[in-house]
Each structure stands twice: as structure tokens, then as C-alpha cells.
Amino acid sequence: MTTRKLRLGPLPKMESTKLTFSCPASLKADLDHYAALHAQAYGEAVDAVTLIPHMLEAFIAGDRGFRKGGTSKVPPPKPS
């Protein structure tokens, strides 16, 4: 079997903050499948939970509309 190159490359070490979210079962299955392909491509076992922050970071970095908005951080909305 040939090794595929994935858009999400080897994972860097980073400081983290815990965040919990819900997703459809089909998305969880896709994330698990991506994690298996990533482990095969880069020789390091990872799970979906480990990949999600890197995927989101890559998504935001590639979003031209978000980047055009400037680099200032917008505070989260205050709870009602």
C-alpha cells in the first residue's frame, strides 16, 4: 500500500486548553478514519481528539475572509 500525503502534516507540540463539543456520528467516523490514515502516513498513532485542534487551526489559517479581517482578536460575546 502506498503512503498518502495528507493536507494535515506531522503534528507540532503545542500548549492546549480543553474544549468539549458534539458532532454527528458520521463526522466522528470520518475523523477516526482520518486519524488512522494520518498514523499510517506519519508513523505516529494519533486519535481524532488530537487531530481536531490542528485541523481547525489549518482551516482558520486557510480562510481568506478571516485573514482579511485583520489580526486583532475579537473577544467572545458575553453570556446573556
C-alpha atoms as a PDB file:
ATOM      1  CA  MET A   1       0.000   0.000   0.000  1.00  0.00           C
ATOM      2  CA  THR A   2       1.347   3.459  -0.846  1.00  0.00           C
ATOM      3  CA  THR A   3       1.586   6.166   1.783  1.00  0.00           C
ATOM      4  CA  ARG A   4      -0.699   9.102   1.105  1.00  0.00           C
ATOM      5  CA  LYS A   5       0.299  12.690   1.711  1.00  0.00           C
ATOM      6  CA  LEU A   6      -2.369  14.366   3.797  1.00  0.00           C
ATOM      7  CA  ARG A   7      -3.096  18.072   3.993  1.00  0.00           C
ATOM      8  CA  LEU A   8      -2.511  17.927   7.733  1.00  0.00           C
ATOM      9  CA  GLY A   9       1.185  17.094   8.096  1.00  0.00           C
ATOM     10  CA  PRO A  10       3.105  15.890  11.146  1.00  0.00           C
ATOM     11  CA  LEU A  11       1.750  17.395  14.347  1.00  0.00           C
ATOM     12  CA  PRO A  12       3.736  20.032  16.246  1.00  0.00           C
ATOM     13  CA  LYS A  13       3.849  20.125  20.036  1.00  0.00           C
ATOM     14  CA  MET A  14       1.613  22.842  21.466  1.00  0.00           C
ATOM     15  CA  GLU A  15       0.055  24.142  24.662  1.00  0.00           C
ATOM     16  CA  SER A  16      -3.602  23.239  24.901  1.00  0.00           C
ATOM     17  CA  THR A  17      -6.873  24.222  26.527  1.00  0.00           C
ATOM     18  CA  LYS A  18      -9.703  21.738  26.978  1.00  0.00           C
ATOM     19  CA  LEU A  19     -12.796  22.280  24.820  1.00  0.00           C
ATOM     20  CA  THR A  20     -15.777  19.933  24.539  1.00  0.00           C
ATOM     21  CA  PHE A  21     -18.119  19.784  21.545  1.00  0.00           C
ATOM     22  CA  SER A  22     -20.667  17.463  19.956  1.00  0.00           C
ATOM     23  CA  CYS A  23     -20.655  16.298  16.356  1.00  0.00           C
ATOM     24  CA  PRO A  24     -22.660  13.917  14.185  1.00  0.00           C
ATOM     25  CA  ALA A  25     -21.676  10.240  14.333  1.00  0.00           C
ATOM     26  CA  SER A  26     -20.754  10.391  10.638  1.00  0.00           C
ATOM     27  CA  LEU A  27     -18.227  13.192  11.303  1.00  0.00           C
ATOM     28  CA  LYS A  28     -16.730  11.224  14.214  1.00  0.00           C
ATOM     29  CA  ALA A  29     -16.336   8.227  11.899  1.00  0.00           C
ATOM     30  CA  ASP A  30     -14.608  10.427   9.296  1.00  0.00           C
ATOM     31  CA  LEU A  31     -12.306  11.881  11.965  1.00  0.00           C
ATOM     32  CA  ASP A  32     -11.395   8.386  13.169  1.00  0.00           C
ATOM     33  CA  HIS A  33     -10.698   7.317   9.583  1.00  0.00           C
ATOM     34  CA  TYR A  34      -8.536  10.415   9.003  1.00  0.00           C
ATOM     35  CA  ALA A  35      -6.648   9.665  12.235  1.00  0.00           C
ATOM     36  CA  ALA A  36      -5.916   6.134  11.008  1.00  0.00           C
ATOM     37  CA  LEU A  37      -4.657   7.465   7.655  1.00  0.00           C
ATOM     38  CA  HIS A  38      -2.561  10.098   9.445  1.00  0.00           C
ATOM     39  CA  ALA A  39      -0.982   7.440  11.672  1.00  0.00           C
ATOM     40  CA  GLN A  40      -0.191   5.328   8.606  1.00  0.00           C
ATOM     41  CA  ALA A  41       1.276   8.301   6.707  1.00  0.00           C
ATOM     42  CA  TYR A  42       3.448   9.643   9.538  1.00  0.00           C
ATOM     43  CA  GLY A  43       4.137   6.566  11.678  1.00  0.00           C
ATOM     44  CA  GLU A  44       2.739   8.022  14.885  1.00  0.00           C
ATOM     45  CA  ALA A  45      -0.555   6.837  16.355  1.00  0.00           C
ATOM     46  CA  VAL A  46      -2.995   9.701  16.946  1.00  0.00           C
ATOM     47  CA  ASP A  47      -6.690   9.863  17.646  1.00  0.00           C
ATOM     48  CA  ALA A  48      -9.381  12.226  16.408  1.00  0.00           C
ATOM     49  CA  VAL A  49      -9.237  14.289  19.609  1.00  0.00           C
ATOM     50  CA  THR A  50      -5.552  15.013  18.976  1.00  0.00           C
ATOM     51  CA  LEU A  51      -6.151  15.938  15.330  1.00  0.00           C
ATOM     52  CA  ILE A  52      -9.143  18.250  15.738  1.00  0.00           C
ATOM     53  CA  PRO A  53      -7.227  21.325  17.052  1.00  0.00           C
ATOM     54  CA  HIS A  54      -4.682  21.027  14.237  1.00  0.00           C
ATOM     55  CA  MET A  55      -7.434  20.656  11.650  1.00  0.00           C
ATOM     56  CA  LEU A  56      -9.241  23.730  12.970  1.00  0.00           C
ATOM     57  CA  GLU A  57      -6.011  25.724  13.059  1.00  0.00           C
ATOM     58  CA  ALA A  58      -5.281  24.772   9.426  1.00  0.00           C
ATOM     59  CA  PHE A  59      -8.858  25.641   8.446  1.00  0.00           C
ATOM     60  CA  ILE A  60      -8.676  29.096  10.036  1.00  0.00           C
ATOM     61  CA  ALA A  61      -5.215  29.764   8.573  1.00  0.00           C
ATOM     62  CA  GLY A  62      -6.554  28.967   5.104  1.00  0.00           C
ATOM     63  CA  ASP A  63      -9.719  31.083   5.395  1.00  0.00           C
ATOM     64  CA  ARG A  64      -9.044  34.186   3.304  1.00  0.00           C
ATOM     65  CA  GLY A  65     -12.110  36.008   4.596  1.00  0.00           C
ATOM     66  CA  PHE A  66     -10.972  35.516   8.179  1.00  0.00           C
ATOM     67  CA  ARG A  67      -7.413  36.600   7.394  1.00  0.00           C
ATOM     68  CA  LYS A  68      -8.645  39.755   5.636  1.00  0.00           C
ATOM     69  CA  GLY A  69     -10.409  40.715   8.853  1.00  0.00           C
ATOM     70  CA  GLY A  70      -7.084  41.656  10.420  1.00  0.00           C
ATOM     71  CA  THR A  71      -5.024  40.183  13.185  1.00  0.00           C
ATOM     72  CA  SER A  72      -6.809  41.770  16.142  1.00  0.00           C
ATOM     73  CA  LYS A  73      -8.513  39.294  18.430  1.00  0.00           C
ATOM     74  CA  VAL A  74     -12.227  39.773  18.910  1.00  0.00           C
ATOM     75  CA  PRO A  75     -13.424  38.967  22.448  1.00  0.00           C
ATOM     76  CA  PRO A  76     -16.122  36.284  22.745  1.00  0.00           C
ATOM     77  CA  PRO A  77     -19.680  37.522  23.225  1.00  0.00           C
ATOM     78  CA  LYS A  78     -20.813  37.986  26.816  1.00  0.00           C
ATOM     79  CA  PRO A  79     -23.429  35.493  28.043  1.00  0.00           C
ATOM     80  CA  SER A  80     -26.946  36.918  28.302  1.00  0.00           C
END
